PDB file of N, CA and C in Angstrom:
ATOM      1  N   MET A   1      19.570  -4.265 -17.420  1.00  0.00           N
ATOM      2  CA  MET A   1      18.287  -4.626 -17.978  1.00  0.00           C
ATOM      3  C   MET A   1      18.413  -6.000 -18.611  1.00  0.00           C
ATOM      4  N   SER A   2      17.373  -6.803 -18.516  1.00  0.00           N
ATOM      5  CA  SER A   2      17.386  -8.153 -19.075  1.00  0.00           C
ATOM      6  C   SER A   2      17.566  -8.094 -20.582  1.00  0.00           C
ATOM      7  N   ALA A   3      18.307  -9.051 -21.116  1.00  0.00           N
ATOM      8  CA  ALA A   3      18.605  -9.062 -22.543  1.00  0.00           C
ATOM      9  C   ALA A   3      17.357  -9.303 -23.385  1.00  0.00           C
ATOM     10  N   ASP A   4      16.342  -9.978 -22.816  1.00  0.00           N
ATOM     11  CA  ASP A   4      15.155 -10.295 -23.604  1.00  0.00           C
ATOM     12  C   ASP A   4      14.123  -9.170 -23.615  1.00  0.00           C
ATOM     13  N   LEU A   5      14.374  -8.069 -22.936  1.00  0.00           N
ATOM     14  CA  LEU A   5      13.443  -6.944 -22.920  1.00  0.00           C
ATOM     15  C   LEU A   5      13.898  -5.851 -23.868  1.00  0.00           C
ATOM     16  N   ALA A   6      12.926  -5.180 -24.468  1.00  0.00           N
ATOM     17  CA  ALA A   6      13.243  -4.060 -25.352  1.00  0.00           C
ATOM     18  C   ALA A   6      13.782  -2.906 -24.508  1.00  0.00           C
ATOM     19  N   PRO A   7      14.661  -2.089 -25.095  1.00  0.00           N
ATOM     20  CA  PRO A   7      15.182  -0.937 -24.345  1.00  0.00           C
ATOM     21  C   PRO A   7      14.037  -0.024 -23.898  1.00  0.00           C
ATOM     22  N   ALA A   8      14.178   0.536 -22.736  1.00  0.00           N
ATOM     23  CA  ALA A   8      13.156   1.426 -22.186  1.00  0.00           C
ATOM     24  C   ALA A   8      13.207   2.781 -22.875  1.00  0.00           C
ATOM     25  N   THR A   9      12.047   3.359 -23.038  1.00  0.00           N
ATOM     26  CA  THR A   9      11.962   4.720 -23.561  1.00  0.00           C
ATOM     27  C   THR A   9      11.929   5.684 -22.382  1.00  0.00           C
ATOM     28  N   LEU A  10      12.068   6.955 -22.681  1.00  0.00           N
ATOM     29  CA  LEU A  10      11.960   7.951 -21.614  1.00  0.00           C
ATOM     30  C   LEU A  10      10.560   7.931 -20.995  1.00  0.00           C
ATOM     31  N   GLU A  11       9.557   7.591 -21.794  1.00  0.00           N
ATOM     32  CA  GLU A  11       8.197   7.459 -21.254  1.00  0.00           C
ATOM     33  C   GLU A  11       8.121   6.305 -20.260  1.00  0.00           C
ATOM     34  N   ASP A  12       8.839   5.213 -20.552  1.00  0.00           N
ATOM     35  CA  ASP A  12       8.891   4.088 -19.614  1.00  0.00           C
ATOM     36  C   ASP A  12       9.538   4.523 -18.299  1.00  0.00           C
ATOM     37  N   VAL A  13      10.609   5.280 -18.409  1.00  0.00           N
ATOM     38  CA  VAL A  13      11.303   5.773 -17.214  1.00  0.00           C
ATOM     39  C   VAL A  13      10.362   6.667 -16.407  1.00  0.00           C
ATOM     40  N   GLU A  14       9.637   7.536 -17.101  1.00  0.00           N
ATOM     41  CA  GLU A  14       8.703   8.417 -16.412  1.00  0.00           C
ATOM     42  C   GLU A  14       7.627   7.611 -15.684  1.00  0.00           C
ATOM     43  N   ARG A  15       7.081   6.578 -16.331  1.00  0.00           N
ATOM     44  CA  ARG A  15       6.082   5.722 -15.679  1.00  0.00           C
ATOM     45  C   ARG A  15       6.668   5.031 -14.454  1.00  0.00           C
ATOM     46  N   SER A  16       7.906   4.600 -14.566  1.00  0.00           N
ATOM     47  CA  SER A  16       8.559   3.946 -13.428  1.00  0.00           C
ATOM     48  C   SER A  16       8.789   4.932 -12.287  1.00  0.00           C
ATOM     49  N   PHE A  17       9.178   6.164 -12.616  1.00  0.00           N
ATOM     50  CA  PHE A  17       9.308   7.199 -11.587  1.00  0.00           C
ATOM     51  C   PHE A  17       7.981   7.376 -10.859  1.00  0.00           C
ATOM     52  N   ARG A  18       6.901   7.475 -11.624  1.00  0.00           N
ATOM     53  CA  ARG A  18       5.566   7.681 -11.024  1.00  0.00           C
ATOM     54  C   ARG A  18       5.186   6.500 -10.137  1.00  0.00           C
ATOM     55  N   ALA A  19       5.529   5.281 -10.563  1.00  0.00           N
ATOM     56  CA  ALA A  19       5.216   4.090  -9.759  1.00  0.00           C
ATOM     57  C   ALA A  19       6.001   4.088  -8.449  1.00  0.00           C
ATOM     58  N   CYS A  20       7.196   4.664  -8.454  1.00  0.00           N
ATOM     59  CA  CYS A  20       8.042   4.699  -7.260  1.00  0.00           C
ATOM     60  C   CYS A  20       7.765   5.901  -6.358  1.00  0.00           C
ATOM     61  N   ALA A  21       7.005   6.872  -6.842  1.00  0.00           N
ATOM     62  CA  ALA A  21       6.778   8.105  -6.078  1.00  0.00           C
ATOM     63  C   ALA A  21       6.248   7.853  -4.663  1.00  0.00           C
ATOM     64  N   PRO A  22       5.261   6.957  -4.458  1.00  0.00           N
ATOM     65  CA  PRO A  22       4.808   6.728  -3.084  1.00  0.00           C
ATOM     66  C   PRO A  22       5.907   6.181  -2.171  1.00  0.00           C
ATOM     67  N   VAL A  23       6.776   5.361  -2.718  1.00  0.00           N
ATOM     68  CA  VAL A  23       7.895   4.820  -1.929  1.00  0.00           C
ATOM     69  C   VAL A  23       8.862   5.938  -1.566  1.00  0.00           C
ATOM     70  N   PHE A  24       9.209   6.779  -2.548  1.00  0.00           N
ATOM     71  CA  PHE A  24      10.114   7.885  -2.275  1.00  0.00           C
ATOM     72  C   PHE A  24       9.523   8.826  -1.230  1.00  0.00           C
ATOM     73  N   ASN A  25       8.239   9.116  -1.364  1.00  0.00           N
ATOM     74  CA  ASN A  25       7.560   9.983  -0.405  1.00  0.00           C
ATOM     75  C   ASN A  25       7.586   9.364   0.995  1.00  0.00           C
ATOM     76  N   ALA A  26       7.244   8.081   1.078  1.00  0.00           N
ATOM     77  CA  ALA A  26       7.201   7.409   2.380  1.00  0.00           C
ATOM     78  C   ALA A  26       8.573   7.378   3.037  1.00  0.00           C
ATOM     79  N   LEU A  27       9.597   7.127   2.261  1.00  0.00           N
ATOM     80  CA  LEU A  27      10.939   7.010   2.830  1.00  0.00           C
ATOM     81  C   LEU A  27      11.629   8.354   3.015  1.00  0.00           C
ATOM     82  N   GLY A  28      10.976   9.425   2.606  1.00  0.00           N
ATOM     83  CA  GLY A  28      11.539  10.759   2.776  1.00  0.00           C
ATOM     84  C   GLY A  28      11.422  11.287   4.196  1.00  0.00           C
ATOM     85  N   ASP A  29      10.735  10.564   5.057  1.00  0.00           N
ATOM     86  CA  ASP A  29      10.543  10.995   6.433  1.00  0.00           C
ATOM     87  C   ASP A  29      11.409  10.147   7.367  1.00  0.00           C
ATOM     88  N   ARG A  30      12.141  10.805   8.247  1.00  0.00           N
ATOM     89  CA  ARG A  30      13.065  10.118   9.153  1.00  0.00           C
ATOM     90  C   ARG A  30      12.352   9.112  10.053  1.00  0.00           C
ATOM     91  N   TYR A  31      11.165   9.466  10.551  1.00  0.00           N
ATOM     92  CA  TYR A  31      10.450   8.555  11.435  1.00  0.00           C
ATOM     93  C   TYR A  31       9.960   7.316  10.699  1.00  0.00           C
ATOM     94  N   ARG A  32       9.553   7.485   9.459  1.00  0.00           N
ATOM     95  CA  ARG A  32       9.147   6.313   8.679  1.00  0.00           C
ATOM     96  C   ARG A  32      10.358   5.430   8.374  1.00  0.00           C
ATOM     97  N   GLN A  33      11.503   6.050   8.142  1.00  0.00           N
ATOM     98  CA  GLN A  33      12.731   5.270   7.971  1.00  0.00           C
ATOM     99  C   GLN A  33      13.015   4.476   9.248  1.00  0.00           C
ATOM    100  N   ASP A  34      12.830   5.113  10.410  1.00  0.00           N
ATOM    101  CA  ASP A  34      13.057   4.440  11.686  1.00  0.00           C
ATOM    102  C   ASP A  34      12.089   3.266  11.874  1.00  0.00           C
ATOM    103  N   ILE A  35      10.835   3.445  11.461  1.00  0.00           N
ATOM    104  CA  ILE A  35       9.859   2.353  11.559  1.00  0.00           C
ATOM    105  C   ILE A  35      10.271   1.190  10.663  1.00  0.00           C
ATOM    106  N   VAL A  36      10.707   1.492   9.442  1.00  0.00           N
ATOM    107  CA  VAL A  36      11.174   0.434   8.539  1.00  0.00           C
ATOM    108  C   VAL A  36      12.338  -0.309   9.177  1.00  0.00           C
ATOM    109  N   MET A  37      13.271   0.422   9.782  1.00  0.00           N
ATOM    110  CA  MET A  37      14.422  -0.227  10.416  1.00  0.00           C
ATOM    111  C   MET A  37      14.002  -1.067  11.624  1.00  0.00           C
ATOM    112  N   LEU A  38      13.033  -0.589  12.401  1.00  0.00           N
ATOM    113  CA  LEU A  38      12.511  -1.390  13.516  1.00  0.00           C
ATOM    114  C   LEU A  38      11.919  -2.699  13.003  1.00  0.00           C
ATOM    115  N   LEU A  39      11.125  -2.601  11.946  1.00  0.00           N
ATOM    116  CA  LEU A  39      10.491  -3.789  11.398  1.00  0.00           C
ATOM    117  C   LEU A  39      11.509  -4.723  10.733  1.00  0.00           C
ATOM    118  N   ALA A  40      12.626  -4.174  10.294  1.00  0.00           N
ATOM    119  CA  ALA A  40      13.694  -5.015   9.739  1.00  0.00           C
ATOM    120  C   ALA A  40      14.347  -5.839  10.845  1.00  0.00           C
ATOM    121  N   GLN A  41      14.318  -5.318  12.071  1.00  0.00           N
ATOM    122  CA  GLN A  41      14.935  -6.011  13.206  1.00  0.00           C
ATOM    123  C   GLN A  41      13.982  -6.978  13.898  1.00  0.00           C
ATOM    124  N   GLN A  42      12.692  -6.763  13.748  1.00  0.00           N
ATOM    125  CA  GLN A  42      11.666  -7.584  14.397  1.00  0.00           C
ATOM    126  C   GLN A  42      10.807  -8.237  13.326  1.00  0.00           C
ATOM    127  N   GLU A  43      10.284  -9.397  13.614  1.00  0.00           N
ATOM    128  CA  GLU A  43       9.424 -10.063  12.631  1.00  0.00           C
ATOM    129  C   GLU A  43       8.150  -9.262  12.396  1.00  0.00           C
ATOM    130  N   ARG A  44       7.545  -8.813  13.486  1.00  0.00           N
ATOM    131  CA  ARG A  44       6.343  -7.982  13.376  1.00  0.00           C
ATOM    132  C   ARG A  44       6.125  -7.254  14.690  1.00  0.00           C
ATOM    133  N   LEU A  45       5.504  -6.099  14.585  1.00  0.00           N
ATOM    134  CA  LEU A  45       5.230  -5.266  15.764  1.00  0.00           C
ATOM    135  C   LEU A  45       3.849  -4.648  15.631  1.00  0.00           C
ATOM    136  N   ASN A  46       3.216  -4.362  16.765  1.00  0.00           N
ATOM    137  CA  ASN A  46       1.970  -3.608  16.744  1.00  0.00           C
ATOM    138  C   ASN A  46       2.272  -2.137  17.050  1.00  0.00           C
ATOM    139  N   VAL A  47       1.270  -1.295  17.006  1.00  0.00           N
ATOM    140  CA  VAL A  47       1.476   0.143  17.200  1.00  0.00           C
ATOM    141  C   VAL A  47       2.078   0.428  18.566  1.00  0.00           C
ATOM    142  N   THR A  48       1.581  -0.235  19.598  1.00  0.00           N
ATOM    143  CA  THR A  48       2.097  -0.008  20.954  1.00  0.00           C
ATOM    144  C   THR A  48       3.577  -0.359  21.034  1.00  0.00           C
ATOM    145  N   GLN A  49       3.960  -1.481  20.459  1.00  0.00           N
ATOM    146  CA  GLN A  49       5.363  -1.888  20.486  1.00  0.00           C
ATOM    147  C   GLN A  49       6.249  -0.904  19.736  1.00  0.00           C
ATOM    148  N   ILE A  50       5.758  -0.385  18.633  1.00  0.00           N
ATOM    149  CA  ILE A  50       6.526   0.613  17.877  1.00  0.00           C
ATOM    150  C   ILE A  50       6.623   1.904  18.684  1.00  0.00           C
ATOM    151  N   ALA A  51       5.503   2.337  19.273  1.00  0.00           N
ATOM    152  CA  ALA A  51       5.483   3.582  20.050  1.00  0.00           C
ATOM    153  C   ALA A  51       6.414   3.506  21.258  1.00  0.00           C
ATOM    154  N   GLU A  52       6.581   2.332  21.847  1.00  0.00           N
ATOM    155  CA  GLU A  52       7.498   2.167  22.976  1.00  0.00           C
ATOM    156  C   GLU A  52       8.946   2.400  22.574  1.00  0.00           C
ATOM    157  N   ARG A  53       9.247   2.248  21.315  1.00  0.00           N
ATOM    158  CA  ARG A  53      10.632   2.359  20.824  1.00  0.00           C
ATOM    159  C   ARG A  53      10.913   3.684  20.120  1.00  0.00           C
ATOM    160  N   MET A  54       9.904   4.555  20.046  1.00  0.00           N
ATOM    161  CA  MET A  54      10.061   5.803  19.302  1.00  0.00           C
ATOM    162  C   MET A  54       9.519   6.985  20.102  1.00  0.00           C
ATOM    163  N   PRO A  55      10.021   8.182  19.812  1.00  0.00           N
ATOM    164  CA  PRO A  55       9.560   9.377  20.544  1.00  0.00           C
ATOM    165  C   PRO A  55       8.312  10.007  19.919  1.00  0.00           C
ATOM    166  N   LEU A  56       7.355   9.174  19.520  1.00  0.00           N
ATOM    167  CA  LEU A  56       6.139   9.652  18.872  1.00  0.00           C
ATOM    168  C   LEU A  56       4.915   9.088  19.588  1.00  0.00           C
ATOM    169  N   SER A  57       3.809   9.787  19.461  1.00  0.00           N
ATOM    170  CA  SER A  57       2.549   9.306  20.019  1.00  0.00           C
ATOM    171  C   SER A  57       2.000   8.156  19.180  1.00  0.00           C
ATOM    172  N   ARG A  58       1.075   7.409  19.762  1.00  0.00           N
ATOM    173  CA  ARG A  58       0.420   6.336  19.006  1.00  0.00           C
ATOM    174  C   ARG A  58      -0.287   6.872  17.756  1.00  0.00           C
ATOM    175  N   PRO A  59      -1.022   8.005  17.843  1.00  0.00           N
ATOM    176  CA  PRO A  59      -1.648   8.522  16.619  1.00  0.00           C
ATOM    177  C   PRO A  59      -0.624   8.877  15.537  1.00  0.00           C
ATOM    178  N   ALA A  60       0.515   9.422  15.940  1.00  0.00           N
ATOM    179  CA  ALA A  60       1.557   9.755  14.959  1.00  0.00           C
ATOM    180  C   ALA A  60       2.120   8.480  14.327  1.00  0.00           C
ATOM    181  N   ILE A  61       2.348   7.457  15.153  1.00  0.00           N
ATOM    182  CA  ILE A  61       2.827   6.171  14.633  1.00  0.00           C
ATOM    183  C   ILE A  61       1.812   5.609  13.643  1.00  0.00           C
ATOM    184  N   SER A  62       0.532   5.666  14.009  1.00  0.00           N
ATOM    185  CA  SER A  62      -0.522   5.156  13.125  1.00  0.00           C
ATOM    186  C   SER A  62      -0.519   5.876  11.783  1.00  0.00           C
ATOM    187  N   HIS A  63      -0.327   7.184  11.815  1.00  0.00           N
ATOM    188  CA  HIS A  63      -0.257   7.953  10.567  1.00  0.00           C
ATOM    189  C   HIS A  63       0.916   7.469   9.707  1.00  0.00           C
ATOM    190  N   HIS A  64       2.088   7.328  10.312  1.00  0.00           N
ATOM    191  CA  HIS A  64       3.260   6.884   9.555  1.00  0.00           C
ATOM    192  C   HIS A  64       3.058   5.467   9.014  1.00  0.00           C
ATOM    193  N   LEU A  65       2.429   4.604   9.797  1.00  0.00           N
ATOM    194  CA  LEU A  65       2.155   3.245   9.327  1.00  0.00           C
ATOM    195  C   LEU A  65       1.203   3.260   8.130  1.00  0.00           C
ATOM    196  N   LYS A  66       0.219   4.147   8.161  1.00  0.00           N
ATOM    197  CA  LYS A  66      -0.714   4.268   7.038  1.00  0.00           C
ATOM    198  C   LYS A  66       0.023   4.655   5.759  1.00  0.00           C
ATOM    199  N   VAL A  67       0.938   5.615   5.863  1.00  0.00           N
ATOM    200  CA  VAL A  67       1.716   6.042   4.690  1.00  0.00           C
ATOM    201  C   VAL A  67       2.570   4.885   4.169  1.00  0.00           C
ATOM    202  N   LEU A  68       3.213   4.165   5.079  1.00  0.00           N
ATOM    203  CA  LEU A  68       4.042   3.027   4.673  1.00  0.00           C
ATOM    204  C   LEU A  68       3.209   1.910   4.051  1.00  0.00           C
ATOM    205  N   LEU A  69       2.017   1.676   4.591  1.00  0.00           N
ATOM    206  CA  LEU A  69       1.103   0.688   4.002  1.00  0.00           C
ATOM    207  C   LEU A  69       0.695   1.093   2.589  1.00  0.00           C
ATOM    208  N   GLN A  70       0.304   2.356   2.419  1.00  0.00           N
ATOM    209  CA  GLN A  70      -0.131   2.834   1.111  1.00  0.00           C
ATOM    210  C   GLN A  70       0.995   2.772   0.086  1.00  0.00           C
ATOM    211  N   ALA A  71       2.226   2.920   0.542  1.00  0.00           N
ATOM    212  CA  ALA A  71       3.381   2.849  -0.358  1.00  0.00           C
ATOM    213  C   ALA A  71       3.779   1.404  -0.658  1.00  0.00           C
ATOM    214  N   GLY A  72       3.171   0.460   0.041  1.00  0.00           N
ATOM    215  CA  GLY A  72       3.492  -0.944  -0.188  1.00  0.00           C
ATOM    216  C   GLY A  72       4.781  -1.398   0.457  1.00  0.00           C
ATOM    217  N   LEU A  73       5.258  -0.668   1.447  1.00  0.00           N
ATOM    218  CA  LEU A  73       6.512  -1.027   2.103  1.00  0.00           C
ATOM    219  C   LEU A  73       6.319  -1.951   3.296  1.00  0.00           C
ATOM    220  N   ILE A  74       5.113  -1.969   3.843  1.00  0.00           N
ATOM    221  CA  ILE A  74       4.813  -2.856   4.958  1.00  0.00           C
ATOM    222  C   ILE A  74       3.483  -3.542   4.703  1.00  0.00           C
ATOM    223  N   GLY A  75       3.280  -4.634   5.409  1.00  0.00           N
ATOM    224  CA  GLY A  75       2.010  -5.332   5.380  1.00  0.00           C
ATOM    225  C   GLY A  75       1.432  -5.361   6.786  1.00  0.00           C
ATOM    226  N   MET A  76       0.169  -5.739   6.877  1.00  0.00           N
ATOM    227  CA  MET A  76      -0.500  -5.767   8.165  1.00  0.00           C
ATOM    228  C   MET A  76      -1.305  -7.055   8.298  1.00  0.00           C
ATOM    229  N   ASP A  77      -1.224  -7.653   9.472  1.00  0.00           N
ATOM    230  CA  ASP A  77      -2.044  -8.812   9.807  1.00  0.00           C
ATOM    231  C   ASP A  77      -2.857  -8.458  11.035  1.00  0.00           C
ATOM    232  N   ARG A  78      -4.124  -8.785  10.979  1.00  0.00           N
ATOM    233  CA  ARG A  78      -5.001  -8.537  12.128  1.00  0.00           C
ATOM    234  C   ARG A  78      -5.108  -9.832  12.931  1.00  0.00           C
ATOM    235  N   VAL A  79      -4.786  -9.754  14.213  1.00  0.00           N
ATOM    236  CA  VAL A  79      -4.907 -10.884  15.127  1.00  0.00           C
ATOM    237  C   VAL A  79      -5.816 -10.435  16.251  1.00  0.00           C
ATOM    238  N   SER A  80      -7.000 -11.018  16.300  1.00  0.00           N
ATOM    239  CA  SER A  80      -8.029 -10.604  17.250  1.00  0.00           C
ATOM    240  C   SER A  80      -8.348  -9.137  17.000  1.00  0.00           C
ATOM    241  N   ARG A  81      -8.080  -8.269  17.967  1.00  0.00           N
ATOM    242  CA  ARG A  81      -8.354  -6.842  17.762  1.00  0.00           C
ATOM    243  C   ARG A  81      -7.069  -6.035  17.576  1.00  0.00           C
ATOM    244  N   GLU A  82      -5.991  -6.721  17.297  1.00  0.00           N
ATOM    245  CA  GLU A  82      -4.679  -6.080  17.208  1.00  0.00           C
ATOM    246  C   GLU A  82      -4.137  -6.162  15.783  1.00  0.00           C
ATOM    247  N   ASN A  83      -3.567  -5.069  15.294  1.00  0.00           N
ATOM    248  CA  ASN A  83      -2.904  -5.058  13.984  1.00  0.00           C
ATOM    249  C   ASN A  83      -1.404  -5.206  14.192  1.00  0.00           C
ATOM    250  N   PHE A  84      -0.814  -6.126  13.472  1.00  0.00           N
ATOM    251  CA  PHE A  84       0.630  -6.323  13.506  1.00  0.00           C
ATOM    252  C   PHE A  84       1.201  -5.984  12.139  1.00  0.00           C
ATOM    253  N   TYR A  85       2.324  -5.294  12.147  1.00  0.00           N
ATOM    254  CA  TYR A  85       2.950  -4.795  10.920  1.00  0.00           C
ATOM    255  C   TYR A  85       4.279  -5.496  10.696  1.00  0.00           C
ATOM    256  N   GLN A  86       4.576  -5.752   9.417  1.00  0.00           N
ATOM    257  CA  GLN A  86       5.849  -6.360   9.036  1.00  0.00           C
ATOM    258  C   GLN A  86       6.286  -5.773   7.697  1.00  0.00           C
ATOM    259  N   LEU A  87       7.570  -5.890   7.424  1.00  0.00           N
ATOM    260  CA  LEU A  87       8.084  -5.394   6.143  1.00  0.00           C
ATOM    261  C   LEU A  87       7.505  -6.207   4.995  1.00  0.00           C
ATOM    262  N   SER A  88       7.294  -5.540   3.892  1.00  0.00           N
ATOM    263  CA  SER A  88       6.790  -6.168   2.674  1.00  0.00           C
ATOM    264  C   SER A  88       7.390  -5.397   1.500  1.00  0.00           C
ATOM    265  N   LEU A  89       8.666  -5.625   1.253  1.00  0.00           N
ATOM    266  CA  LEU A  89       9.425  -4.785   0.323  1.00  0.00           C
ATOM    267  C   LEU A  89       9.500  -5.288  -1.114  1.00  0.00           C
ATOM    268  N   ASP A  90       9.032  -6.488  -1.383  1.00  0.00           N
ATOM    269  CA  ASP A  90       9.262  -7.091  -2.699  1.00  0.00           C
ATOM    270  C   ASP A  90       8.820  -6.222  -3.868  1.00  0.00           C
ATOM    271  N   LYS A  91       7.581  -5.744  -3.851  1.00  0.00           N
ATOM    272  CA  LYS A  91       7.078  -4.942  -4.978  1.00  0.00           C
ATOM    273  C   LYS A  91       7.826  -3.620  -5.082  1.00  0.00           C
ATOM    274  N   ALA A  92       8.039  -2.953  -3.950  1.00  0.00           N
ATOM    275  CA  ALA A  92       8.740  -1.666  -3.968  1.00  0.00           C
ATOM    276  C   ALA A  92      10.159  -1.832  -4.506  1.00  0.00           C
ATOM    277  N   LEU A  93      10.846  -2.866  -4.073  1.00  0.00           N
ATOM    278  CA  LEU A  93      12.208  -3.098  -4.564  1.00  0.00           C
ATOM    279  C   LEU A  93      12.210  -3.429  -6.047  1.00  0.00           C
ATOM    280  N   ALA A  94      11.237  -4.210  -6.501  1.00  0.00           N
ATOM    281  CA  ALA A  94      11.152  -4.536  -7.934  1.00  0.00           C
ATOM    282  C   ALA A  94      10.898  -3.275  -8.759  1.00  0.00           C
ATOM    283  N   ASP A  95       9.996  -2.407  -8.276  1.00  0.00           N
ATOM    284  CA  ASP A  95       9.730  -1.148  -8.980  1.00  0.00           C
ATOM    285  C   ASP A  95      10.973  -0.269  -9.054  1.00  0.00           C
ATOM    286  N   MET A  96      11.707  -0.187  -7.945  1.00  0.00           N
ATOM    287  CA  MET A  96      12.917   0.644  -7.932  1.00  0.00           C
ATOM    288  C   MET A  96      14.015   0.047  -8.806  1.00  0.00           C
ATOM    289  N   ARG A  97      14.139  -1.286  -8.802  1.00  0.00           N
ATOM    290  CA  ARG A  97      15.113  -1.930  -9.694  1.00  0.00           C
ATOM    291  C   ARG A  97      14.803  -1.612 -11.156  1.00  0.00           C
ATOM    292  N   ARG A  98      13.506  -1.698 -11.509  1.00  0.00           N
ATOM    293  CA  ARG A  98      13.087  -1.401 -12.883  1.00  0.00           C
ATOM    294  C   ARG A  98      13.450   0.038 -13.240  1.00  0.00           C
ATOM    295  N   LEU A  99      13.172   0.961 -12.340  1.00  0.00           N
ATOM    296  CA  LEU A  99      13.494   2.364 -12.584  1.00  0.00           C
ATOM    297  C   LEU A  99      14.995   2.546 -12.816  1.00  0.00           C
ATOM    298  N   VAL A 100      15.807   1.969 -11.968  1.00  0.00           N
ATOM    299  CA  VAL A 100      17.261   2.114 -12.100  1.00  0.00           C
ATOM    300  C   VAL A 100      17.736   1.508 -13.420  1.00  0.00           C
ATOM    301  N   GLU A 101      17.247   0.309 -13.735  1.00  0.00           N
ATOM    302  CA  GLU A 101      17.662  -0.337 -14.985  1.00  0.00           C
ATOM    303  C   GLU A 101      17.260   0.491 -16.199  1.00  0.00           C
ATOM    304  N   GLN A 102      16.032   1.002 -16.197  1.00  0.00           N
ATOM    305  CA  GLN A 102      15.559   1.803 -17.320  1.00  0.00           C
ATOM    306  C   GLN A 102      16.353   3.112 -17.418  1.00  0.00           C
ATOM    307  N   ALA A 103      16.595   3.735 -16.295  1.00  0.00           N
ATOM    308  CA  ALA A 103      17.332   5.000 -16.308  1.00  0.00           C
ATOM    309  C   ALA A 103      18.767   4.795 -16.776  1.00  0.00           C
ATOM    310  N   GLU A 104      19.387   3.694 -16.383  1.00  0.00           N
ATOM    311  CA  GLU A 104      20.759   3.416 -16.823  1.00  0.00           C
ATOM    312  C   GLU A 104      20.830   3.328 -18.340  1.00  0.00           C
ATOM    313  N   VAL A 105      19.843   2.731 -18.953  1.00  0.00           N
ATOM    314  CA  VAL A 105      19.840   2.533 -20.407  1.00  0.00           C
ATOM    315  C   VAL A 105      19.384   3.783 -21.145  1.00  0.00           C
ATOM    316  N   SER A 106      18.327   4.410 -20.647  1.00  0.00           N
ATOM    317  CA  SER A 106      17.677   5.488 -21.405  1.00  0.00           C
ATOM    318  C   SER A 106      18.186   6.880 -21.093  1.00  0.00           C
ATOM    319  N   CYS A 107      18.807   7.059 -19.951  1.00  0.00           N
ATOM    320  CA  CYS A 107      19.184   8.422 -19.537  1.00  0.00           C
ATOM    321  C   CYS A 107      20.683   8.635 -19.515  1.00  0.00           C
ATOM    322  N   SER A 108      21.429   7.722 -20.077  1.00  0.00           N
ATOM    323  CA  SER A 108      22.900   7.916 -20.060  1.00  0.00           C
ATOM    324  C   SER A 108      23.427   8.404 -21.373  1.00  0.00           C
TER     325      SER A 108
END
């Protein structure tokens, strides 16, 4: 934890857990983990490109992408009539770092 910040309380840790819950939920599914790994290897992909690399239907891929979008793990750009997805981990990683730092101080 940064030296200029006050020590976290257990309530702070609880708030951080709640902020990370969508990320934990999204990453709890093997197929969503696979999508994250695909996007880590490619700059951006559309649903068809993802479906070509996975044993899931396009509707199933779309559902998983929606969960990842809502969790803030990916971003989407619309080009013409096509949606392209890319990783967008900054906020999720910052939230998880905060949780770990707070838990290290407050729960040990």
